[in-house]
Amino acid sequence: MTLAQVQALIDAYYQAELDLLAGKTVTFQGRTVTSENLSEIRKGRHEMEQRKQTLLSGRSRHAPSLARFE
């Protein structure tokens, strides 16, 4: 996954968390659905935040070194 994809998932998890806390429901074909699993949403967001940190730390390891020639 790219950093942009991971960030998009983090944003989606965050929005789902906000929607759940606000009591948002969705009606589809006459059925009303309410998301109720806040712990799973937070677990998924936490996993994506860890993946983001892994991606970011991997970038710094492969960053070019600077050499000084005198």
C-alpha atoms as a PDB file:
ATOM      1  CA  MET A   1       0.000   0.000   0.000  1.00  0.00           C
ATOM      2  CA  THR A   2       1.132   3.507  -0.672  1.00  0.00           C
ATOM      3  CA  LEU A   3       1.294   6.195   1.964  1.00  0.00           C
ATOM      4  CA  ALA A   4      -1.628   7.973   0.261  1.00  0.00           C
ATOM      5  CA  GLN A   5      -3.765   4.809   0.401  1.00  0.00           C
ATOM      6  CA  VAL A   6      -2.964   4.259   4.061  1.00  0.00           C
ATOM      7  CA  GLN A   7      -3.795   7.887   4.862  1.00  0.00           C
ATOM      8  CA  ALA A   8      -7.114   7.551   2.996  1.00  0.00           C
ATOM      9  CA  LEU A   9      -7.992   4.532   5.152  1.00  0.00           C
ATOM     10  CA  ILE A  10      -7.024   6.374   8.339  1.00  0.00           C
ATOM     11  CA  ASP A  11      -9.277   9.238   7.270  1.00  0.00           C
ATOM     12  CA  ALA A  12     -12.135   6.807   6.518  1.00  0.00           C
ATOM     13  CA  TYR A  13     -11.763   5.104   9.910  1.00  0.00           C
ATOM     14  CA  TYR A  14     -11.718   8.491  11.597  1.00  0.00           C
ATOM     15  CA  GLN A  15     -14.892   9.539   9.753  1.00  0.00           C
ATOM     16  CA  ALA A  16     -16.588   6.245  10.656  1.00  0.00           C
ATOM     17  CA  GLU A  17     -15.683   6.855  14.290  1.00  0.00           C
ATOM     18  CA  LEU A  18     -17.156  10.366  14.162  1.00  0.00           C
ATOM     19  CA  ASP A  19     -20.314   9.095  12.440  1.00  0.00           C
ATOM     20  CA  LEU A  20     -20.777   6.370  15.019  1.00  0.00           C
ATOM     21  CA  LEU A  21     -20.259   8.746  17.923  1.00  0.00           C
ATOM     22  CA  ALA A  22     -22.763  11.150  16.355  1.00  0.00           C
ATOM     23  CA  GLY A  23     -25.327   8.333  16.121  1.00  0.00           C
ATOM     24  CA  LYS A  24     -25.509   8.370  12.321  1.00  0.00           C
ATOM     25  CA  THR A  25     -27.669   5.730  10.686  1.00  0.00           C
ATOM     26  CA  VAL A  26     -28.103   4.707   7.059  1.00  0.00           C
ATOM     27  CA  THR A  27     -31.409   3.653   5.485  1.00  0.00           C
ATOM     28  CA  PHE A  28     -31.154   1.358   2.474  1.00  0.00           C
ATOM     29  CA  GLN A  29     -34.187  -0.267   0.826  1.00  0.00           C
ATOM     30  CA  GLY A  30     -36.322   0.360   3.882  1.00  0.00           C
ATOM     31  CA  ARG A  31     -33.799  -1.080   6.351  1.00  0.00           C
ATOM     32  CA  THR A  32     -32.030   1.145   8.848  1.00  0.00           C
ATOM     33  CA  VAL A  33     -28.467   0.188   9.678  1.00  0.00           C
ATOM     34  CA  THR A  34     -26.408   1.612  12.520  1.00  0.00           C
ATOM     35  CA  SER A  35     -22.712   0.853  12.924  1.00  0.00           C
ATOM     36  CA  GLU A  36     -22.121  -0.297  16.463  1.00  0.00           C
ATOM     37  CA  ASN A  37     -18.627  -1.697  16.671  1.00  0.00           C
ATOM     38  CA  LEU A  38     -16.520   1.239  17.821  1.00  0.00           C
ATOM     39  CA  SER A  39     -13.730  -1.014  19.099  1.00  0.00           C
ATOM     40  CA  GLU A  40     -13.281  -2.612  15.647  1.00  0.00           C
ATOM     41  CA  ILE A  41     -13.207   0.803  13.980  1.00  0.00           C
ATOM     42  CA  ARG A  42     -10.575   2.015  16.420  1.00  0.00           C
ATOM     43  CA  LYS A  43      -8.576  -1.205  16.013  1.00  0.00           C
ATOM     44  CA  GLY A  44      -8.537  -0.762  12.238  1.00  0.00           C
ATOM     45  CA  ARG A  45      -7.500   2.876  12.522  1.00  0.00           C
ATOM     46  CA  HIS A  46      -4.705   1.930  14.929  1.00  0.00           C
ATOM     47  CA  GLU A  47      -3.433  -0.745  12.519  1.00  0.00           C
ATOM     48  CA  MET A  48      -3.378   1.764   9.658  1.00  0.00           C
ATOM     49  CA  GLU A  49      -1.577   4.341  11.815  1.00  0.00           C
ATOM     50  CA  GLN A  50       1.085   1.719  12.598  1.00  0.00           C
ATOM     51  CA  ARG A  51       1.399   0.871   8.901  1.00  0.00           C
ATOM     52  CA  LYS A  52       1.814   4.574   8.142  1.00  0.00           C
ATOM     53  CA  GLN A  53       4.629   4.833  10.684  1.00  0.00           C
ATOM     54  CA  THR A  54       6.294   1.789   9.148  1.00  0.00           C
ATOM     55  CA  LEU A  55       6.104   3.358   5.697  1.00  0.00           C
ATOM     56  CA  LEU A  56       7.466   6.642   6.974  1.00  0.00           C
ATOM     57  CA  SER A  57      10.339   5.016   8.845  1.00  0.00           C
ATOM     58  CA  GLY A  58      11.178   2.937   5.773  1.00  0.00           C
ATOM     59  CA  ARG A  59      11.497   6.099   3.731  1.00  0.00           C
ATOM     60  CA  SER A  60      13.955   7.639   6.126  1.00  0.00           C
ATOM     61  CA  ARG A  61      16.123   4.505   6.087  1.00  0.00           C
ATOM     62  CA  HIS A  62      16.426   4.669   2.331  1.00  0.00           C
ATOM     63  CA  ALA A  63      16.980   8.390   2.109  1.00  0.00           C
ATOM     64  CA  PRO A  64      20.181   9.355   0.347  1.00  0.00           C
ATOM     65  CA  SER A  65      23.132  10.197   2.556  1.00  0.00           C
ATOM     66  CA  LEU A  66      24.997  13.434   2.191  1.00  0.00           C
ATOM     67  CA  ALA A  67      28.724  13.285   1.657  1.00  0.00           C
ATOM     68  CA  ARG A  68      31.084  16.161   2.207  1.00  0.00           C
ATOM     69  CA  PHE A  69      34.163  16.306  -0.005  1.00  0.00           C
ATOM     70  CA  GLU A  70      36.847  18.738   1.100  1.00  0.00           C
END
